[in-house]
Protein backbone atom coordinates (compact mmCIF):
# COMPACT_ATOMS: atom_id res chain seq x y z
CA UNK A 1 -3.52 49.08 -17.31
CA UNK A 2 -5.22 48.86 -13.93
CA UNK A 3 -7.21 45.78 -15.01
CA UNK A 4 -4.03 44.04 -16.17
CA UNK A 5 -2.18 44.80 -12.94
CA UNK A 6 -5.12 43.63 -10.82
CA UNK A 7 -5.40 40.37 -12.76
CA UNK A 8 -1.67 39.77 -12.31
CA UNK A 9 -1.92 40.52 -8.60
CA UNK A 10 -4.86 38.13 -8.15
CA UNK A 11 -2.99 35.41 -10.03
CA UNK A 12 -0.03 35.76 -7.66
CA UNK A 13 -2.34 35.53 -4.63
CA UNK A 14 -4.06 32.45 -6.02
CA UNK A 15 -0.78 30.71 -6.81
CA UNK A 16 0.54 31.47 -3.33
CA UNK A 17 -2.61 30.07 -1.73
CA UNK A 18 -2.42 26.92 -3.82
CA UNK A 19 1.35 26.47 -3.57
CA UNK A 20 1.19 23.42 -1.24
CA UNK A 21 -1.35 21.77 -3.55
CA UNK A 22 0.62 22.57 -6.71
CA UNK A 23 3.80 21.15 -5.18
CA UNK A 24 2.07 17.77 -4.98
CA UNK A 25 1.30 17.98 -8.68
CA UNK A 26 4.70 18.68 -10.24
CA UNK A 27 5.39 17.34 -13.70
CA UNK A 28 6.89 13.88 -13.74
CA UNK A 29 10.65 14.17 -13.49
CA UNK A 30 12.11 13.88 -16.98
CA UNK A 31 15.18 11.91 -15.82
CA UNK A 32 12.80 9.17 -14.64
CA UNK A 33 11.64 8.63 -18.22
CA UNK A 34 15.23 8.54 -19.44
CA UNK A 35 16.34 5.71 -17.16
CA UNK A 36 16.69 2.16 -18.43
CA UNK A 37 12.97 1.69 -17.89
CA UNK A 38 10.83 0.87 -20.92
CA UNK A 39 8.14 3.39 -21.91
CA UNK A 40 4.84 2.22 -23.39
CA UNK A 41 1.65 3.83 -24.65
CA UNK A 42 -1.72 2.19 -25.28
CA UNK A 43 -4.24 4.23 -27.25
CA UNK A 44 -7.60 4.38 -25.47
CA UNK A 45 -9.75 6.81 -27.40
CA UNK A 46 -9.81 10.21 -25.68
CA UNK A 47 -6.77 9.18 -23.67
CA UNK A 48 -3.62 7.15 -24.04
CA UNK A 49 -2.33 5.04 -21.17
CA UNK A 50 1.34 5.66 -20.45
CA UNK A 51 3.35 3.33 -18.26
CA UNK A 52 6.92 2.24 -17.73
CA UNK A 53 8.33 -1.16 -16.88
CA UNK A 54 11.54 -2.14 -15.19
CA UNK A 55 13.08 -5.46 -14.16
CA UNK A 56 12.94 -8.96 -15.59
CA UNK A 57 9.70 -9.34 -17.61
CA UNK A 58 9.53 -13.02 -16.61
CA UNK A 59 9.26 -12.14 -12.92
CA UNK A 60 5.97 -11.60 -11.10
CA UNK A 61 4.40 -8.27 -12.08
CA UNK A 62 4.27 -5.48 -9.51
CA UNK A 63 1.72 -2.88 -10.64
CA UNK A 64 1.98 0.54 -8.98
CA UNK A 65 -0.90 3.07 -9.10
CA UNK A 66 -0.51 6.68 -7.93
CA UNK A 67 -3.01 9.00 -6.26
CA UNK A 68 -4.30 12.48 -7.13
CA UNK A 69 -2.64 14.65 -8.08
CA UNK A 70 0.35 12.57 -9.07
CA UNK A 71 2.18 10.63 -11.74
CA UNK A 72 4.80 7.91 -12.17
CA UNK A 73 7.46 9.90 -10.30
CA UNK A 74 5.82 9.30 -6.91
CA UNK A 75 7.16 5.74 -7.08
CA UNK A 76 10.76 6.68 -7.91
CA UNK A 77 12.04 5.10 -4.69
CA UNK A 78 10.48 1.77 -5.65
CA UNK A 79 11.82 2.01 -9.20
CA UNK A 80 15.35 2.55 -7.95
CA UNK A 81 15.23 -0.26 -5.37
CA UNK A 82 17.64 -3.03 -6.39
CA UNK A 83 15.81 -5.88 -4.62
CA UNK A 84 12.51 -4.91 -6.24
CA UNK A 85 14.11 -4.72 -9.68
CA UNK A 86 15.76 -8.12 -9.28
CA UNK A 87 12.64 -9.92 -8.04
CA UNK A 88 9.75 -8.28 -9.87
CA UNK A 89 8.70 -6.92 -13.22
CA UNK A 90 7.70 -3.43 -12.10
CA UNK A 91 4.89 -1.72 -14.03
CA UNK A 92 4.15 1.89 -13.07
CA UNK A 93 1.27 3.75 -14.69
CA UNK A 94 0.28 7.34 -15.24
CA UNK A 95 -3.46 7.24 -14.52
CA UNK A 96 -5.74 8.65 -17.22
CA UNK A 97 -5.53 12.43 -17.18
CA UNK A 98 -2.20 12.52 -15.34
CA UNK A 99 1.44 12.53 -16.38
CA UNK A 100 1.75 11.41 -19.99
CA UNK A 101 -1.60 9.58 -20.09
CA UNK A 102 -3.25 12.41 -21.99
CA UNK A 103 -3.86 13.38 -25.58
CA UNK A 104 -3.56 17.01 -26.53
CA UNK A 105 -5.88 19.13 -24.43
CA UNK A 106 -6.61 17.37 -21.18
CA UNK A 107 -9.91 15.66 -20.52
CA UNK A 108 -11.28 14.61 -17.15
CA UNK A 109 -11.63 10.98 -16.15
CA UNK A 110 -12.75 10.50 -12.56
CA UNK A 111 -14.65 7.28 -13.30
CA UNK A 112 -13.08 4.55 -11.12
CA UNK A 113 -14.38 1.81 -13.40
CA UNK A 114 -12.79 3.36 -16.48
CA UNK A 115 -9.53 4.04 -14.66
CA UNK A 116 -9.39 0.39 -13.58
CA UNK A 117 -10.27 -0.95 -17.02
CA UNK A 118 -7.60 1.29 -18.51
CA UNK A 119 -4.82 0.36 -16.11
CA UNK A 120 -5.46 -3.38 -16.25
CA UNK A 121 -4.38 -3.22 -19.90
CA UNK A 122 -0.83 -2.75 -18.65
CA UNK A 123 -0.98 -6.26 -17.17
CA UNK A 124 -0.83 -7.61 -20.72
CA UNK A 125 2.88 -7.09 -20.13
CA UNK A 126 2.85 -9.60 -17.28
CA UNK A 127 4.72 -12.48 -18.92
CA UNK A 128 5.14 -14.56 -15.78
CA UNK A 129 2.81 -17.40 -14.92
CA UNK A 130 1.91 -15.63 -11.70
CA UNK A 131 -0.85 -13.23 -10.79
CA UNK A 132 0.29 -9.66 -10.14
CA UNK A 133 0.76 -7.72 -6.93
CA UNK A 134 -1.25 -4.49 -7.27
CA UNK A 135 -0.35 -1.46 -5.16
CA UNK A 136 -2.41 1.70 -4.82
CA UNK A 137 -1.73 4.80 -2.77
CA UNK A 138 -4.26 7.47 -1.71
CA UNK A 139 -6.73 8.02 -4.59
CA UNK A 140 -5.13 5.08 -6.35
CA UNK A 141 -6.38 2.68 -3.67
CA UNK A 142 -10.02 2.35 -4.82
CA UNK A 143 -8.79 1.87 -8.39
CA UNK A 144 -6.42 -0.88 -7.26
CA UNK A 145 -9.29 -2.46 -5.30
CA UNK A 146 -11.56 -2.22 -8.34
CA UNK A 147 -9.00 -4.12 -10.42
CA UNK A 148 -8.78 -6.83 -7.75
CA UNK A 149 -12.58 -7.09 -7.65
CA UNK A 150 -13.19 -7.09 -11.40
CA UNK A 151 -10.14 -9.10 -12.46
CA UNK A 152 -9.48 -11.62 -9.66
CA UNK A 153 -7.71 -13.94 -12.11
CA UNK A 154 -5.01 -11.29 -12.53
CA UNK A 155 -4.35 -10.27 -8.91
CA UNK A 156 -2.53 -12.29 -6.25
CA UNK A 157 -2.14 -9.53 -3.69
CA UNK A 158 -3.54 -6.06 -3.11
CA UNK A 159 -1.58 -3.46 -1.12
CA UNK A 160 -3.50 -0.31 -0.13
CA UNK A 161 -1.38 2.54 1.22
CA UNK A 162 -3.08 5.52 2.89
CA UNK A 163 -6.49 4.47 1.54
CA UNK A 164 -9.30 6.83 0.63
CA UNK A 165 -12.06 4.26 0.23
CA UNK A 166 -14.89 5.16 2.63
CA UNK A 167 -17.40 7.53 0.98
CA UNK A 168 -18.55 8.70 4.42
CA UNK A 169 -15.03 9.87 5.31
CA UNK A 170 -14.19 11.85 2.18
CA UNK A 171 -12.37 15.04 3.21
CA UNK A 172 -12.90 18.38 1.47
CA UNK A 173 -10.14 20.96 1.93
CA UNK A 174 -10.42 24.71 1.48
CA UNK A 175 -7.98 24.77 -1.41
CA UNK A 176 -10.11 22.27 -3.35
CA UNK A 177 -13.02 24.73 -3.25
CA UNK A 178 -10.69 27.55 -4.27
CA UNK A 179 -9.32 25.49 -7.16
CA UNK A 180 -12.85 24.77 -8.39
CA UNK A 181 -13.72 28.45 -8.80
CA UNK A 182 -13.77 29.35 -12.51
CA UNK A 183 -11.35 32.26 -12.08
CA UNK A 184 -8.78 30.22 -10.18
CA UNK A 185 -9.27 27.20 -12.43
CA UNK A 186 -8.01 29.03 -15.51
CA UNK A 187 -4.58 29.39 -13.87
CA UNK A 188 -4.20 25.74 -12.90
CA UNK A 189 -2.24 23.15 -14.85
CA UNK A 190 -4.04 20.17 -16.37
CA UNK A 191 -3.20 17.76 -13.55
CA UNK A 192 -4.57 20.11 -10.89
CA UNK A 193 -7.76 20.58 -12.89
CA UNK A 194 -8.10 16.81 -13.17
CA UNK A 195 -7.42 16.32 -9.44
CA UNK A 196 -10.01 18.97 -8.53
CA UNK A 197 -12.74 17.33 -10.61
CA UNK A 198 -11.77 13.91 -9.27
CA UNK A 199 -11.96 15.18 -5.70
CA UNK A 200 -15.58 16.33 -6.01
CA UNK A 201 -16.66 13.16 -7.85
CA UNK A 202 -14.84 10.78 -5.54
CA UNK A 203 -17.52 10.28 -2.91
CA UNK A 204 -20.16 9.27 -5.45
CA UNK A 205 -17.67 7.05 -7.28
CA UNK A 206 -16.86 5.23 -4.04
CA UNK A 207 -20.55 4.57 -3.43
CA UNK A 208 -20.70 2.73 -6.75
CA UNK A 209 -18.15 0.26 -5.34
CA UNK A 210 -20.38 -0.94 -2.50
CA UNK A 211 -20.71 -4.46 -3.93
CA UNK A 212 -17.15 -4.71 -5.18
CA UNK A 213 -15.43 -5.28 -1.84
CA UNK A 214 -16.99 -8.71 -1.35
CA UNK A 215 -15.60 -9.81 -4.72
CA UNK A 216 -11.97 -9.33 -3.70
CA UNK A 217 -10.37 -12.74 -3.19
CA UNK A 218 -6.72 -11.72 -3.21
CA UNK A 219 -4.57 -11.26 -0.14
CA UNK A 220 -4.77 -7.66 1.09
CA UNK A 221 -2.51 -5.46 3.20
CA UNK A 222 -3.69 -2.02 4.30
CA UNK A 223 -1.32 0.67 5.62
CA UNK A 224 -2.68 3.68 7.52
CA UNK A 225 -0.80 6.49 9.28
CA UNK A 226 -2.01 7.94 12.56
CA UNK A 227 -0.95 11.44 11.50
CA UNK A 228 -2.50 11.30 8.05
CA UNK A 229 -3.97 14.74 7.33
CA UNK A 230 -5.22 13.84 3.85
CA UNK A 231 -7.08 10.54 4.35
CA UNK A 232 -9.25 10.01 7.42
CA UNK A 233 -7.69 7.22 9.49
CA UNK A 234 -11.16 5.69 9.88
CA UNK A 235 -10.75 4.45 6.31
CA UNK A 236 -9.00 1.53 7.99
CA UNK A 237 -12.18 0.73 9.93
CA UNK A 238 -14.04 0.66 6.62
CA UNK A 239 -11.43 -1.70 5.19
CA UNK A 240 -11.77 -4.02 8.18
CA UNK A 241 -15.52 -4.23 7.66
CA UNK A 242 -15.40 -4.77 3.92
CA UNK A 243 -12.40 -7.02 3.30
CA UNK A 244 -12.02 -10.75 3.80
CA UNK A 245 -10.56 -10.88 7.30
CA UNK A 246 -8.99 -14.27 6.65
CA UNK A 247 -6.79 -12.81 3.92
CA UNK A 248 -6.47 -9.21 5.09
CA UNK A 249 -3.69 -7.65 7.13
CA UNK A 250 -3.94 -4.18 8.66
CA UNK A 251 -0.87 -2.13 9.55
CA UNK A 252 -1.39 1.01 11.62
CA UNK A 253 1.62 3.33 11.92
CA UNK A 254 0.84 5.85 14.71
CA UNK A 255 3.51 8.39 13.76
CA UNK A 256 3.17 8.16 9.97
CA UNK A 257 1.48 10.69 7.73
CA UNK A 258 0.02 10.28 4.26
CA UNK A 259 3.35 9.57 2.54
CA UNK A 260 3.96 6.09 3.94
CA UNK A 261 5.72 4.90 0.79
CA UNK A 262 8.32 7.62 1.38
CA UNK A 263 8.53 7.37 5.18
CA UNK A 264 8.31 3.57 5.53
CA UNK A 265 9.44 2.12 2.18
CA UNK A 266 10.94 -1.03 3.70
CA UNK A 267 7.69 -1.95 5.48
CA UNK A 268 5.73 -1.56 2.27
CA UNK A 269 8.35 -3.41 0.24
CA UNK A 270 8.31 -6.30 2.71
CA UNK A 271 4.68 -7.00 1.76
CA UNK A 272 5.69 -7.62 -1.85
CA UNK A 273 7.80 -10.54 -0.74
CA UNK A 274 5.10 -12.06 1.49
CA UNK A 275 2.49 -13.72 -0.68
CA UNK A 276 0.72 -17.04 -0.83
CA UNK A 277 0.98 -17.17 -4.63
């Protein structure tokens, strides 16, 4: 009896401590999947890639990649934007291990190369004669960059929002260490477990990309917020060193936090309509 009560008490304490982190990892909103968007699945062995599309399939593809934790629902404001729907074929993915891109019991996939190779499959649904615009936010930014580096024939423009791309500036928060403890881990949902493993593998994964940055030929726009508490703002300095300055644009928003897509949607959206191709 005492053991059961103590375990219940500890679980409550753990959940309270991790409440801010768990809020960022809510299940994708079911109504989003029931809109007039098209749902697709591509079998990929241990995983299945889930994504939705919206808009005219003959328009230029706009590929949106979320961070960690996260899922398709983080782009709901872009999916509901009339101008975006009318001018682009929007493709929003659940990254492997998140949202509906899982099979049965969750597996971990923190490999940036595999995430990129998986997501690029969704661009088979780009029926326009134009290269795609690829957008990544937070932990989705290195994956978006990897796609641009490995598949330059598919990418016209790369938009990186609140980037986490510099291995030297990877931040480790107290709740990540708490979440990694075996006792706490058993109480976490699959997406939080995935995000925790991805967090501790991220620095080494970024180091593997050292030679990739020079291969990016697409236009690039980088957004960074001065009040970002998740991604070190010096990630922008890294981007300035690594990206082709002739085709790169850097937007620093002094009062913005990590959620630039929510706080400055019009600024981000504007970049979709400014492209050489």
